[in-house]
Amino acid sequence: MRFAVRKALRASLLAFFVSGIAAASASASTSPVVGHVFVNDNTATTNTVAAFDRHADGTLTPVPGSPFQAGGAGTGADIASQGALQQALDGRYLLAVDAGSNQISVLRVGHDGSLSPVPGGVVSSGGSNPVSIAIHGHLVYVANASSVGPNYTGFRLGSDGQLHPIAGSSVTLPDGSQPGDVLFNGDGTVLAGTRVSTGLIDSFRVEDSGRLDAAPGSPFAAQGAGPFGSEFRPTRSDQLFVSNAHGGANNGTISAFSVKEDGALSSIGSSPFADKQTAPCWVEITHDGNILYTVNTASSSISTYAISPGGSLTLIGSTVFNDPTGLAPEDARLSPDDSSLWVVDSGLHAISGFAVSGTGLHEFGSSPTPVPAGAVPAGIVVN
């Protein structure tokens, strides 16, 4: 009986995948390609990265040859982090966490969206269970989220795409910290990281050597349970926003911090700011620094905030996905022109897309688009 149920489920998922690709291909035949979307599939045994042509009408179609082998292994299970896939050096490379093999893979991006492995581009992450990558120029940091001995570890990225560990760069965290996101500010002088389980935020001043110097008072209280996704304001390297995911039903919040030159954090205005949704986990900010989006995983919705010049947030409203059942939306990324927002759906194993109009979001009719069979997507890049 259980075999029959599993067989029926696999058949229904396959039908969903095939029908979604067919519908997208039919629509995209008359819509020009304006960019690409890449997703870390986090597939078990052999990890892959899926690549899609992004069309002007919001449809996605697989790039020929997709998915592309990353080189390491995924977990085949949700890794619950922000930044599991990042682009580097003006989009020439993608860096993907291989959480199942404790590695980082580097892939070269072709003009047509195709991906090819960099020779020698698969390296140890410097710990166990890598979940998030931060990049500023040639400097790279990885958050390793193992329950025992989690850490942040630094690398230099060569122009050839090869990663080289920075001696003495690893910062070990207390067991059970569960780092969920690691990121640089805009000028690369500060690195921050969230500790989901213990409600703390790490902040470091980045030395010329690439090593980290803890900010006075670090780690800082997150102002809410489960600090998770985070982002520095693109137009202000001294403002940091962090989602607090574990406040309970309809009780999520977003914290806003002012960041001093030495990396110390202080609260902005009446932070934290109410989200009125459940489990705000992922944060994305428009390139002009005026609008913040947070993806509410348990509510299957996206909240929109206006950001004041001083960094205070005003909740504009929340947009529910067209079909929220079982979606589990996670990591999000805006297109370079802020005209569309793309979200990884770990529950449905798909990608949702929204047109951005002012402060409004409108899900594309072709959304969601299935990712390859066997993928449990984590991390997204849009170019």
Protein backbone atom coordinates (compact mmCIF):
# COMPACT_ATOMS: atom_id res chain seq x y z
CA MET A 1 0.00 0.00 0.00
CA ARG A 2 2.78 2.43 0.95
CA PHE A 3 4.59 1.52 -2.27
CA ALA A 4 1.50 2.34 -4.31
CA VAL A 5 1.13 5.70 -2.59
CA ARG A 6 4.78 6.56 -3.17
CA LYS A 7 4.50 5.48 -6.80
CA ALA A 8 1.42 7.68 -7.29
CA LEU A 9 3.17 10.62 -5.63
CA ARG A 10 6.22 10.27 -7.88
CA ALA A 11 3.95 10.09 -10.91
CA SER A 12 2.06 13.23 -9.89
CA LEU A 13 5.31 15.15 -9.26
CA LEU A 14 6.67 14.04 -12.63
CA ALA A 15 3.46 15.14 -14.33
CA PHE A 16 3.70 18.52 -12.56
CA PHE A 17 7.31 18.92 -13.73
CA VAL A 18 6.61 17.96 -17.36
CA SER A 19 3.42 20.03 -17.67
CA GLY A 20 5.12 23.05 -16.11
CA ILE A 21 8.04 22.87 -18.53
CA ALA A 22 5.72 22.41 -21.51
CA ALA A 23 3.56 25.39 -20.56
CA ALA A 24 6.58 27.60 -19.95
CA SER A 25 8.19 26.60 -23.26
CA ALA A 26 5.03 27.37 -25.21
CA SER A 27 4.72 30.83 -23.65
CA ALA A 28 8.41 31.63 -23.91
CA SER A 29 8.56 30.92 -27.63
CA THR A 30 7.50 34.52 -28.30
CA SER A 31 9.03 36.20 -25.24
CA PRO A 32 12.68 37.33 -25.34
CA VAL A 33 15.28 36.16 -22.85
CA VAL A 34 16.23 39.01 -20.50
CA GLY A 35 18.45 37.11 -18.05
CA HIS A 36 18.84 33.89 -16.13
CA VAL A 37 17.84 32.29 -12.84
CA PHE A 38 20.12 29.78 -11.10
CA VAL A 39 19.19 27.52 -8.18
CA ASN A 40 21.33 25.32 -5.95
CA ASP A 41 19.44 22.03 -6.27
CA ASN A 42 21.05 20.52 -3.15
CA THR A 43 20.57 17.09 -4.68
CA ALA A 44 21.77 14.08 -2.71
CA THR A 45 24.92 12.21 -3.77
CA THR A 46 25.75 14.51 -6.72
CA ASN A 47 24.78 18.13 -6.26
CA THR A 48 23.60 20.13 -9.28
CA VAL A 49 22.75 23.72 -10.13
CA ALA A 50 19.69 24.35 -12.29
CA ALA A 51 19.84 27.15 -14.86
CA PHE A 52 16.83 28.80 -16.47
CA ASP A 53 16.37 31.38 -19.20
CA ARG A 54 14.38 34.26 -17.72
CA HIS A 55 11.90 35.66 -20.24
CA ALA A 56 10.37 39.14 -20.37
CA ASP A 57 6.89 37.77 -19.61
CA GLY A 58 8.09 36.05 -16.43
CA THR A 59 8.32 32.52 -17.78
CA LEU A 60 11.35 30.34 -17.05
CA THR A 61 12.68 27.67 -19.41
CA PRO A 62 15.64 25.34 -18.70
CA VAL A 63 18.97 26.28 -20.26
CA PRO A 64 20.10 23.43 -22.56
CA GLY A 65 22.13 20.97 -20.50
CA SER A 66 20.56 22.01 -17.19
CA PRO A 67 20.93 20.88 -14.44
CA PHE A 68 24.72 21.15 -14.28
CA GLN A 69 26.85 19.11 -11.89
CA ALA A 70 28.36 21.20 -9.12
CA GLY A 71 31.11 18.77 -8.14
CA GLY A 72 30.20 18.00 -4.54
CA ALA A 73 27.17 16.43 -2.89
CA GLY A 74 23.98 17.94 -1.55
CA THR A 75 21.90 16.64 1.34
CA GLY A 76 18.61 16.00 -0.47
CA ALA A 77 16.91 17.76 2.46
CA ASP A 78 16.10 21.36 3.32
CA ILE A 79 19.19 23.16 4.66
CA ALA A 80 17.27 26.28 5.80
CA SER A 81 19.69 29.10 5.13
CA GLN A 82 20.08 32.29 3.12
CA GLY A 83 22.85 32.57 0.53
CA ALA A 84 23.51 28.93 -0.40
CA LEU A 85 24.29 30.10 -3.95
CA GLN A 86 26.12 33.32 -4.82
CA GLN A 87 27.63 34.97 -7.87
CA ALA A 88 31.13 36.43 -7.91
CA LEU A 89 33.47 38.63 -9.96
CA ASP A 90 30.82 40.47 -11.99
CA GLY A 91 28.75 37.34 -12.48
CA ARG A 92 31.50 35.27 -14.10
CA TYR A 93 31.26 32.57 -11.43
CA LEU A 94 28.71 30.89 -9.19
CA LEU A 95 29.67 29.54 -5.78
CA ALA A 96 27.45 26.80 -4.35
CA VAL A 97 27.45 25.07 -0.98
CA ASP A 98 27.69 21.29 -1.15
CA ALA A 99 26.23 20.62 2.29
CA GLY A 100 26.33 16.84 1.91
CA SER A 101 30.08 16.64 1.26
CA ASN A 102 31.28 19.66 3.30
CA GLN A 103 32.54 21.44 0.20
CA ILE A 104 32.14 24.57 -1.90
CA SER A 105 31.89 24.33 -5.70
CA VAL A 106 32.78 27.05 -8.20
CA LEU A 107 31.13 27.09 -11.64
CA ARG A 108 31.89 29.33 -14.60
CA VAL A 109 28.85 31.10 -16.10
CA GLY A 110 28.54 31.19 -19.89
CA HIS A 111 26.88 34.02 -21.79
CA ASP A 112 23.99 31.66 -22.61
CA GLY A 113 23.49 30.73 -18.95
CA SER A 114 25.29 27.41 -19.24
CA LEU A 115 27.58 26.36 -16.40
CA SER A 116 30.91 24.56 -16.43
CA PRO A 117 33.03 23.41 -13.47
CA VAL A 118 36.18 25.36 -12.72
CA PRO A 119 39.25 23.05 -12.71
CA GLY A 120 40.14 22.55 -9.06
CA GLY A 121 37.02 24.48 -8.14
CA VAL A 122 35.70 22.07 -5.49
CA VAL A 123 37.26 22.66 -2.07
CA SER A 124 36.64 21.83 1.56
CA SER A 125 34.40 24.39 3.24
CA GLY A 126 36.66 24.44 6.29
CA GLY A 127 34.02 22.77 8.44
CA SER A 128 30.88 20.65 8.26
CA ASN A 129 27.47 21.36 6.73
CA PRO A 130 28.21 24.59 4.81
CA VAL A 131 24.95 26.54 4.36
CA SER A 132 25.72 30.15 3.42
CA ILE A 133 28.32 32.08 1.40
CA ALA A 134 29.32 35.75 1.61
CA ILE A 135 31.30 37.42 -1.19
CA HIS A 136 32.94 40.81 -1.56
CA GLY A 137 35.28 41.07 -4.51
CA HIS A 138 37.83 38.30 -4.13
CA LEU A 139 37.05 37.71 -0.44
CA VAL A 140 34.74 34.81 0.43
CA TYR A 141 33.40 33.57 3.77
CA VAL A 142 31.39 30.40 4.40
CA ALA A 143 29.12 29.60 7.34
CA ASN A 144 29.49 25.96 8.42
CA ALA A 145 26.44 24.98 10.48
CA SER A 146 27.37 21.64 12.01
CA SER A 147 25.90 21.07 15.46
CA VAL A 148 29.43 20.56 16.84
CA GLY A 149 32.09 23.15 16.04
CA PRO A 150 30.17 25.47 13.67
CA ASN A 151 32.31 28.25 12.20
CA TYR A 152 32.89 31.01 9.69
CA THR A 153 35.85 30.29 7.37
CA GLY A 154 37.50 32.62 4.85
CA PHE A 155 38.88 32.16 1.33
CA ARG A 156 40.41 34.18 -1.48
CA LEU A 157 38.81 33.71 -4.90
CA GLY A 158 41.33 33.84 -7.72
CA SER A 159 40.54 35.35 -11.11
CA ASP A 160 40.70 31.78 -12.42
CA GLY A 161 37.80 30.81 -10.13
CA GLN A 162 39.85 28.78 -7.66
CA LEU A 163 39.31 29.21 -3.91
CA HIS A 164 42.27 29.45 -1.54
CA PRO A 165 41.79 29.15 2.25
CA ILE A 166 42.93 32.11 4.35
CA ALA A 167 45.21 30.83 7.11
CA GLY A 168 43.87 31.57 10.57
CA SER A 169 40.53 32.88 9.27
CA SER A 170 38.18 30.39 10.92
CA VAL A 171 36.05 31.69 13.79
CA THR A 172 34.54 28.86 15.81
CA LEU A 173 31.07 29.34 17.30
CA PRO A 174 29.52 27.60 20.30
CA ASP A 175 28.03 24.19 19.60
CA GLY A 176 24.40 24.37 18.50
CA SER A 177 24.57 28.00 17.28
CA GLN A 178 23.12 27.08 13.86
CA PRO A 179 24.47 29.89 11.69
CA GLY A 180 21.87 30.65 9.01
CA ASP A 181 23.36 33.51 7.03
CA VAL A 182 26.73 35.20 6.59
CA LEU A 183 27.17 38.44 4.60
CA PHE A 184 29.39 41.45 3.93
CA ASN A 185 28.32 45.07 3.99
CA GLY A 186 28.58 47.06 0.76
CA ASP A 187 32.18 48.16 1.14
CA GLY A 188 33.42 44.86 2.55
CA THR A 189 34.58 46.31 5.87
CA VAL A 190 32.08 44.43 8.06
CA LEU A 191 30.95 40.78 8.05
CA ALA A 192 27.80 39.73 9.91
CA GLY A 193 26.28 36.33 10.65
CA THR A 194 23.10 35.10 12.30
CA ARG A 195 22.89 32.38 14.96
CA VAL A 196 19.38 30.99 14.50
CA SER A 197 19.21 28.74 17.56
CA THR A 198 20.68 31.09 20.14
CA GLY A 199 19.15 34.43 19.07
CA LEU A 200 22.43 36.22 18.45
CA ILE A 201 24.09 38.17 15.64
CA ASP A 202 27.84 38.12 15.07
CA SER A 203 29.55 41.21 13.70
CA PHE A 204 33.20 41.54 12.70
CA ARG A 205 35.51 44.17 11.32
CA VAL A 206 37.29 42.72 8.25
CA GLU A 207 41.07 43.14 8.43
CA ASP A 208 43.28 43.80 5.38
CA SER A 209 44.49 40.21 5.72
CA GLY A 210 40.94 38.95 5.24
CA ARG A 211 40.74 37.69 8.81
CA LEU A 212 38.01 38.83 11.21
CA ASP A 213 38.16 41.01 14.30
CA ALA A 214 35.07 40.73 16.52
CA ALA A 215 33.22 44.01 17.00
CA PRO A 216 33.03 45.41 20.56
CA GLY A 217 30.06 43.71 22.21
CA SER A 218 29.68 40.97 19.59
CA PRO A 219 27.62 38.80 19.50
CA PHE A 220 24.56 41.06 19.79
CA ALA A 221 21.01 40.21 20.83
CA ALA A 222 18.78 39.81 17.80
CA GLN A 223 15.68 41.47 19.36
CA GLY A 224 13.61 38.41 18.48
CA ALA A 225 13.73 34.62 18.47
CA GLY A 226 15.33 32.88 15.50
CA PRO A 227 17.40 35.56 13.70
CA PHE A 228 17.64 34.16 10.22
CA GLY A 229 17.88 36.04 6.93
CA SER A 230 19.67 39.35 6.77
CA GLU A 231 20.85 42.05 4.40
CA PHE A 232 22.82 45.25 4.55
CA ARG A 233 21.08 48.17 2.85
CA PRO A 234 22.61 48.42 -0.65
CA THR A 235 22.86 52.22 -0.40
CA ARG A 236 23.99 52.32 3.25
CA SER A 237 26.80 50.06 4.45
CA ASP A 238 25.98 51.17 8.00
CA GLN A 239 22.44 49.69 8.13
CA LEU A 240 21.68 46.00 8.69
CA PHE A 241 18.25 44.30 8.66
CA VAL A 242 17.59 40.86 10.18
CA SER A 243 14.42 38.72 10.14
CA ASN A 244 13.29 37.07 13.40
CA ALA A 245 11.59 33.84 12.38
CA HIS A 246 10.62 32.09 15.61
CA GLY A 247 8.24 34.55 17.28
CA GLY A 248 5.19 32.35 16.76
CA ALA A 249 2.00 32.62 14.71
CA ASN A 250 1.57 36.07 13.14
CA ASN A 251 4.28 37.41 15.42
CA GLY A 252 7.34 37.66 13.18
CA THR A 253 9.50 40.79 13.25
CA ILE A 254 12.33 42.50 11.37
CA SER A 255 15.17 44.12 13.30
CA ALA A 256 17.03 47.20 12.04
CA PHE A 257 20.54 48.01 13.23
CA SER A 258 22.96 50.86 12.77
CA VAL A 259 26.50 49.59 12.15
CA LYS A 260 29.52 51.52 13.41
CA GLU A 261 32.89 51.50 11.66
CA ASP A 262 34.18 48.95 14.18
CA GLY A 263 31.20 46.67 13.44
CA ALA A 264 29.26 47.38 16.64
CA LEU A 265 25.46 47.20 16.25
CA SER A 266 22.85 49.48 17.81
CA SER A 267 19.06 49.49 17.42
CA ILE A 268 17.34 51.82 14.93
CA GLY A 269 14.13 53.58 15.98
CA SER A 270 11.46 51.32 17.44
CA SER A 271 13.11 48.12 16.15
CA PRO A 272 12.05 45.34 15.91
CA PHE A 273 9.26 46.09 13.44
CA ALA A 274 6.14 43.92 13.29
CA ASP A 275 5.63 41.63 10.30
CA LYS A 276 2.16 40.30 11.32
CA GLN A 277 3.01 37.02 9.57
CA THR A 278 4.55 33.71 10.63
CA ALA A 279 8.23 32.77 10.22
CA PRO A 280 9.78 35.66 8.28
CA CYS A 281 12.99 33.93 7.25
CA TRP A 282 14.49 35.55 4.15
CA VAL A 283 15.27 39.21 3.44
CA GLU A 284 15.79 41.04 0.13
CA ILE A 285 16.16 44.81 -0.46
CA THR A 286 15.76 46.74 -3.71
CA HIS A 287 18.95 48.07 -5.23
CA ASP A 288 17.90 51.66 -4.52
CA GLY A 289 17.60 50.76 -0.84
CA ASN A 290 13.99 51.93 -0.49
CA ILE A 291 11.95 48.70 -0.22
CA LEU A 292 12.53 45.60 1.91
CA TYR A 293 10.85 42.25 1.28
CA THR A 294 10.72 39.37 3.72
CA VAL A 295 9.53 35.88 2.79
CA ASN A 296 7.24 34.39 5.44
CA THR A 297 7.79 30.66 5.14
CA ALA A 298 4.96 29.43 7.37
CA SER A 299 2.45 31.97 5.98
CA SER A 300 3.46 31.47 2.32
CA SER A 301 3.49 35.23 1.89
CA ILE A 302 5.87 38.11 1.19
CA SER A 303 5.77 41.24 3.33
CA THR A 304 6.75 44.63 1.88
CA TYR A 305 8.27 47.48 3.91
CA ALA A 306 9.28 51.03 3.07
CA ILE A 307 12.71 51.95 4.49
CA SER A 308 13.13 55.50 5.77
CA PRO A 309 16.45 57.31 5.25
CA GLY A 310 17.30 56.59 8.88
CA GLY A 311 16.51 52.88 8.55
CA SER A 312 13.10 52.64 10.25
CA LEU A 313 10.59 50.32 8.57
CA THR A 314 6.94 50.89 7.66
CA LEU A 315 4.92 47.78 6.81
CA ILE A 316 3.07 48.34 3.52
CA GLY A 317 1.35 44.97 3.38
CA SER A 318 1.71 41.28 2.58
CA THR A 319 1.18 39.33 -0.65
CA VAL A 320 0.05 35.70 -0.50
CA PHE A 321 1.29 33.27 -3.14
CA ASN A 322 -1.26 32.14 -5.74
CA ASP A 323 -1.28 28.59 -4.39
CA PRO A 324 0.29 28.53 -0.91
CA THR A 325 -0.45 24.89 -0.08
CA GLY A 326 2.75 23.06 0.83
CA LEU A 327 4.87 25.78 -0.77
CA ALA A 328 7.41 26.55 2.01
CA PRO A 329 8.91 29.60 0.24
CA GLU A 330 12.46 30.42 1.24
CA ASP A 331 15.39 32.32 -0.27
CA ALA A 332 14.53 35.29 -2.54
CA ARG A 333 16.38 37.42 -5.07
CA LEU A 334 15.43 40.47 -7.13
CA SER A 335 16.36 40.88 -10.78
CA PRO A 336 19.13 43.46 -11.36
CA ASP A 337 16.58 46.09 -12.45
CA ASP A 338 14.22 45.32 -9.54
CA SER A 339 11.40 44.53 -11.99
CA SER A 340 10.87 40.99 -10.71
CA LEU A 341 11.32 38.99 -7.50
CA TRP A 342 12.12 35.27 -7.49
CA VAL A 343 11.61 32.86 -4.60
CA VAL A 344 12.78 29.29 -3.98
CA ASP A 345 9.92 27.01 -2.86
CA SER A 346 11.47 24.16 -0.88
CA GLY A 347 8.17 22.42 -0.14
CA LEU A 348 6.90 22.23 -3.71
CA HIS A 349 10.44 22.03 -5.19
CA ALA A 350 9.82 24.97 -7.48
CA ILE A 351 10.57 28.66 -8.17
CA SER A 352 7.93 31.37 -7.82
CA GLY A 353 8.18 34.66 -9.68
CA PHE A 354 6.56 38.05 -9.11
CA ALA A 355 6.37 41.20 -11.20
CA VAL A 356 7.27 44.27 -9.14
CA SER A 357 5.13 47.35 -9.74
CA GLY A 358 5.92 50.20 -7.37
CA THR A 359 5.39 48.65 -3.95
CA GLY A 360 3.08 45.95 -5.35
CA LEU A 361 3.85 42.32 -6.16
CA HIS A 362 1.90 40.29 -8.73
CA GLU A 363 2.72 36.63 -9.24
CA PHE A 364 3.32 35.63 -12.85
CA GLY A 365 0.71 33.37 -14.43
CA SER A 366 3.39 30.80 -15.26
CA SER A 367 4.53 30.64 -11.62
CA PRO A 368 5.61 28.39 -9.99
CA THR A 369 8.16 26.69 -12.25
CA PRO A 370 9.33 23.22 -11.15
CA VAL A 371 13.02 22.56 -10.52
CA PRO A 372 14.64 19.31 -11.69
CA ALA A 373 13.46 16.02 -10.21
CA GLY A 374 15.23 15.15 -6.97
CA ALA A 375 16.13 18.76 -6.18
CA VAL A 376 15.48 20.28 -2.75
CA PRO A 377 16.34 23.84 -3.77
CA ALA A 378 18.35 26.15 -1.53
CA GLY A 379 19.79 29.45 -2.71
CA ILE A 380 19.02 31.47 -5.83
CA VAL A 381 20.84 33.90 -8.14
CA VAL A 382 19.19 36.14 -10.74
CA ASN A 383 21.14 37.95 -13.47
